[in-house]
Amino acid sequence: MISKMCGNVVAGLVGHLDGKFSSEVLKGKPFSYAEDGYGYKLEKENWPSGKGFEYRCHIIAQGSKVE
């Protein structure tokens, strides 16, 4: 589910969806990389209650630095 949602955002902003992004999101682990002038990043934060977590999907604009 998260892969499809983030993938739709990427495709809408960048104009295409690269296969690496989808496969990385499906792993469910944080990542960061740059490709074709864009930066892609997934963060995962566990809730303090221990009852869940949230993902943050980032697409960094061309020319910006991926941290």
C-alpha atoms as a PDB file:
ATOM      1  CA  MET A   1       0.000   0.000   0.000  1.00  0.00           C
ATOM      2  CA  ILE A   2       2.716   2.486   0.989  1.00  0.00           C
ATOM      3  CA  SER A   3       4.610   1.680  -2.195  1.00  0.00           C
ATOM      4  CA  LYS A   4       1.628   2.523  -4.385  1.00  0.00           C
ATOM      5  CA  MET A   5       0.858   5.773  -2.534  1.00  0.00           C
ATOM      6  CA  CYS A   6       4.452   7.011  -2.611  1.00  0.00           C
ATOM      7  CA  GLY A   7       4.807   5.815  -6.201  1.00  0.00           C
ATOM      8  CA  ASN A   8       1.810   7.869  -7.283  1.00  0.00           C
ATOM      9  CA  VAL A   9       3.298  10.960  -5.630  1.00  0.00           C
ATOM     10  CA  VAL A  10       6.657  10.382  -7.341  1.00  0.00           C
ATOM     11  CA  ALA A  11       5.075   9.824 -10.757  1.00  0.00           C
ATOM     12  CA  GLY A  12       2.992  12.978 -10.365  1.00  0.00           C
ATOM     13  CA  LEU A  13       5.933  15.158  -9.382  1.00  0.00           C
ATOM     14  CA  VAL A  14       8.745  13.695 -11.446  1.00  0.00           C
ATOM     15  CA  GLY A  15       6.734  12.504 -14.442  1.00  0.00           C
ATOM     16  CA  HIS A  16       7.747   8.860 -14.154  1.00  0.00           C
ATOM     17  CA  LEU A  17       8.280   6.175 -11.531  1.00  0.00           C
ATOM     18  CA  ASP A  18      11.641   4.497 -11.380  1.00  0.00           C
ATOM     19  CA  GLY A  19      11.752   0.810 -10.435  1.00  0.00           C
ATOM     20  CA  LYS A  20      14.389   1.296  -7.752  1.00  0.00           C
ATOM     21  CA  PHE A  21      12.109   3.573  -5.749  1.00  0.00           C
ATOM     22  CA  SER A  22       9.262   1.054  -5.668  1.00  0.00           C
ATOM     23  CA  SER A  23      11.510  -1.827  -4.676  1.00  0.00           C
ATOM     24  CA  GLU A  24      13.129   0.223  -1.884  1.00  0.00           C
ATOM     25  CA  VAL A  25       9.741   1.312  -0.493  1.00  0.00           C
ATOM     26  CA  LEU A  26       8.508  -2.286  -0.482  1.00  0.00           C
ATOM     27  CA  LYS A  27      11.406  -3.216   1.820  1.00  0.00           C
ATOM     28  CA  GLY A  28       9.905  -0.886   4.433  1.00  0.00           C
ATOM     29  CA  LYS A  29      13.304   0.364   5.582  1.00  0.00           C
ATOM     30  CA  PRO A  30      14.617   3.925   5.477  1.00  0.00           C
ATOM     31  CA  PHE A  31      16.658   4.842   2.389  1.00  0.00           C
ATOM     32  CA  SER A  32      18.049   7.817   0.526  1.00  0.00           C
ATOM     33  CA  TYR A  33      19.459   8.035  -3.005  1.00  0.00           C
ATOM     34  CA  ALA A  34      19.650  10.346  -6.014  1.00  0.00           C
ATOM     35  CA  GLU A  35      18.830   9.464  -9.615  1.00  0.00           C
ATOM     36  CA  ASP A  36      18.075  11.427 -12.794  1.00  0.00           C
ATOM     37  CA  GLY A  37      18.509  14.725 -10.966  1.00  0.00           C
ATOM     38  CA  TYR A  38      16.010  13.943  -8.184  1.00  0.00           C
ATOM     39  CA  GLY A  39      16.540  12.784  -4.630  1.00  0.00           C
ATOM     40  CA  TYR A  40      14.360  10.091  -3.050  1.00  0.00           C
ATOM     41  CA  LYS A  41      14.117   9.422   0.660  1.00  0.00           C
ATOM     42  CA  LEU A  42      11.966   7.308   2.980  1.00  0.00           C
ATOM     43  CA  GLU A  43      12.004   7.831   6.741  1.00  0.00           C
ATOM     44  CA  LYS A  44      10.332   5.623   9.313  1.00  0.00           C
ATOM     45  CA  GLU A  45       9.445   6.852  12.797  1.00  0.00           C
ATOM     46  CA  ASN A  46       8.202   4.511  15.505  1.00  0.00           C
ATOM     47  CA  TRP A  47       5.531   6.017  17.716  1.00  0.00           C
ATOM     48  CA  PRO A  48       6.489   6.575  21.381  1.00  0.00           C
ATOM     49  CA  SER A  49       3.475   4.465  22.420  1.00  0.00           C
ATOM     50  CA  GLY A  50       5.001   1.463  20.645  1.00  0.00           C
ATOM     51  CA  LYS A  51       1.661   0.874  18.902  1.00  0.00           C
ATOM     52  CA  GLY A  52       2.603   1.898  15.394  1.00  0.00           C
ATOM     53  CA  PHE A  53       4.828   3.901  13.120  1.00  0.00           C
ATOM     54  CA  GLU A  54       4.692   6.369  10.258  1.00  0.00           C
ATOM     55  CA  TYR A  55       6.540   6.681   6.981  1.00  0.00           C
ATOM     56  CA  ARG A  56       7.646   9.947   5.423  1.00  0.00           C
ATOM     57  CA  CYS A  57       8.262   9.871   1.700  1.00  0.00           C
ATOM     58  CA  HIS A  58      10.422  12.702   0.281  1.00  0.00           C
ATOM     59  CA  ILE A  59      11.137  13.711  -3.294  1.00  0.00           C
ATOM     60  CA  ILE A  60      13.908  16.295  -3.449  1.00  0.00           C
ATOM     61  CA  ALA A  61      13.813  18.795  -6.330  1.00  0.00           C
ATOM     62  CA  GLN A  62      16.450  18.816  -9.026  1.00  0.00           C
ATOM     63  CA  GLY A  63      19.622  20.527  -7.921  1.00  0.00           C
ATOM     64  CA  SER A  64      18.911  20.044  -4.208  1.00  0.00           C
ATOM     65  CA  LYS A  65      21.174  18.001  -1.965  1.00  0.00           C
ATOM     66  CA  VAL A  66      19.994  14.632  -0.579  1.00  0.00           C
ATOM     67  CA  GLU A  67      20.909  14.494   3.108  1.00  0.00           C
END
